[in-house]
Protein backbone atom coordinates (compact mmCIF):
# COMPACT_ATOMS: atom_id res chain seq x y z
CA MET A 1 -52.41 -77.65 -61.90
CA LYS A 2 -54.75 -75.20 -60.17
CA ARG A 3 -55.06 -71.80 -61.79
CA ASP A 4 -54.41 -68.75 -59.60
CA THR A 5 -57.59 -66.68 -59.32
CA ARG A 6 -57.90 -62.99 -58.56
CA ASP A 7 -59.40 -63.81 -55.13
CA ASP A 8 -56.46 -66.11 -54.35
CA ARG A 9 -54.06 -63.34 -55.31
CA ILE A 10 -55.92 -60.76 -53.17
CA THR A 11 -55.72 -63.10 -50.16
CA ALA A 12 -51.99 -63.70 -50.72
CA VAL A 13 -51.26 -59.98 -51.01
CA LYS A 14 -53.26 -59.12 -47.89
CA ASP A 15 -51.19 -61.68 -45.94
CA ALA A 16 -47.89 -60.32 -47.32
CA PRO A 17 -45.76 -57.77 -45.45
CA LEU A 18 -46.39 -54.07 -45.87
CA ALA A 19 -44.20 -52.46 -48.51
CA ARG A 20 -44.45 -49.73 -51.12
CA GLY A 21 -46.74 -50.99 -53.87
CA LYS A 22 -48.92 -53.28 -51.74
CA ALA A 23 -51.86 -50.86 -51.51
CA GLU A 24 -51.52 -49.99 -55.17
CA TYR A 25 -51.45 -53.64 -56.25
CA LEU A 26 -54.49 -54.44 -54.08
CA LYS A 27 -56.31 -51.44 -55.54
CA TRP A 28 -55.64 -52.77 -59.05
CA LEU A 29 -56.63 -56.34 -58.13
CA GLU A 30 -59.92 -55.02 -56.77
CA GLY A 31 -60.67 -53.24 -60.05
CA GLY A 32 -59.35 -49.76 -59.31
CA ARG A 33 -57.51 -47.55 -61.75
CA LEU A 34 -53.89 -46.63 -61.07
CA THR A 35 -51.81 -43.58 -61.88
CA ASN A 36 -48.56 -44.21 -63.72
CA ARG A 37 -46.58 -43.99 -60.48
CA GLU A 38 -48.97 -46.34 -58.68
CA ALA A 39 -48.69 -48.82 -61.56
CA ILE A 40 -44.91 -48.76 -61.30
CA TYR A 41 -45.01 -49.38 -57.54
CA ALA A 42 -47.57 -52.18 -57.99
CA ASN A 43 -45.47 -53.81 -60.70
CA CYS A 44 -42.31 -53.65 -58.57
CA TYR A 45 -44.24 -55.14 -55.65
CA LEU A 46 -45.36 -58.05 -57.83
CA CYS A 47 -41.99 -58.51 -59.55
CA MET A 48 -40.17 -58.56 -56.20
CA GLY A 49 -42.43 -61.32 -54.86
CA TYR A 50 -44.29 -58.99 -52.47
CA TYR A 51 -40.91 -58.09 -50.91
CA LEU A 52 -41.03 -61.27 -48.84
CA ASP A 53 -37.21 -61.16 -48.63
CA GLY A 54 -37.28 -57.58 -47.41
CA LYS A 55 -37.54 -54.11 -48.87
CA ALA A 56 -34.53 -53.85 -51.13
CA ASP A 57 -33.42 -52.68 -54.53
CA CYS A 58 -34.03 -55.34 -57.19
CA LYS A 59 -30.71 -54.47 -58.88
CA VAL A 60 -32.20 -55.22 -62.32
CA SER A 61 -30.52 -52.31 -64.06
CA LEU A 62 -31.85 -53.46 -67.45
CA CYS A 63 -35.46 -52.99 -66.29
CA PRO A 64 -36.90 -49.82 -67.84
CA MET A 65 -38.53 -48.93 -64.50
CA HIS A 66 -35.46 -49.49 -62.31
CA ASP A 67 -34.78 -45.76 -61.92
CA LEU A 68 -38.34 -45.35 -60.59
CA MET A 69 -38.28 -48.37 -58.27
CA PRO A 70 -39.32 -47.42 -54.71
CA TYR A 71 -36.28 -48.93 -52.97
CA ASN A 72 -33.62 -47.91 -55.50
CA PRO A 73 -31.03 -45.90 -53.53
CA LYS A 74 -30.04 -44.07 -56.73
CA LYS A 75 -33.61 -43.12 -57.55
CA THR A 76 -33.78 -40.04 -59.72
CA LYS A 77 -35.48 -37.07 -58.12
CA ARG A 78 -37.23 -34.33 -60.00
CA GLU A 79 -35.68 -30.92 -59.58
CA MET A 80 -38.04 -27.95 -59.73
CA THR A 81 -36.86 -24.43 -60.47
CA ASP A 82 -38.02 -21.58 -58.23
CA GLU A 83 -40.24 -20.35 -61.08
CA VAL A 84 -41.98 -23.74 -61.38
CA LYS A 85 -42.39 -23.91 -57.58
CA ARG A 86 -44.02 -20.47 -57.51
CA ALA A 87 -46.35 -21.37 -60.41
CA SER A 88 -47.37 -24.63 -58.67
CA ALA A 89 -48.01 -22.83 -55.40
CA GLU A 90 -50.15 -20.25 -57.19
CA ARG A 91 -52.22 -22.95 -58.96
CA LEU A 92 -52.73 -24.73 -55.64
CA LYS A 93 -53.79 -21.48 -53.97
CA GLN A 94 -56.28 -20.69 -56.78
CA GLY A 95 -57.70 -24.21 -56.57
CA ARG A 96 -58.22 -23.85 -52.82
CA ILE A 97 -59.96 -20.51 -53.32
CA ARG A 98 -62.29 -21.96 -55.98
CA ARG A 99 -63.05 -25.01 -53.84
CA SER A 100 -63.84 -22.95 -50.74
CA ALA A 101 -66.07 -20.63 -52.79
CA THR A 102 -67.94 -23.64 -54.19
CA GLN A 103 -68.35 -25.13 -50.73
CA PHE A 104 -69.58 -21.79 -49.38
CA ARG A 105 -72.18 -21.48 -52.16
CA SER A 106 -73.47 -25.02 -51.63
CA ALA A 107 -73.63 -24.50 -47.84
CA THR A 108 -75.78 -21.35 -48.19
CA LYS A 109 -78.38 -23.05 -50.42
């Protein structure tokens, strides 16, 4: 029995239909690091057989990642309070200001 190699898997995934998790799984196969969310999507993509039967909920309610699955219609969504939204917006604004100041300093050198 021939053993599946990483290159064989990369070729198979590239030929598979586009679905959530494909890019993440390819990134991992090619040696990239994944965030937790990307790892979940990649795992679902692999577990669902590259979604060859279509993009659908796996219906495996006993899977610990089912609530996070990309095609789960009952997917839990994070709720953010107005206070958290304002704090996030302020951090983003401060980051943009710091980045533009850094870019300005490097452009004037």
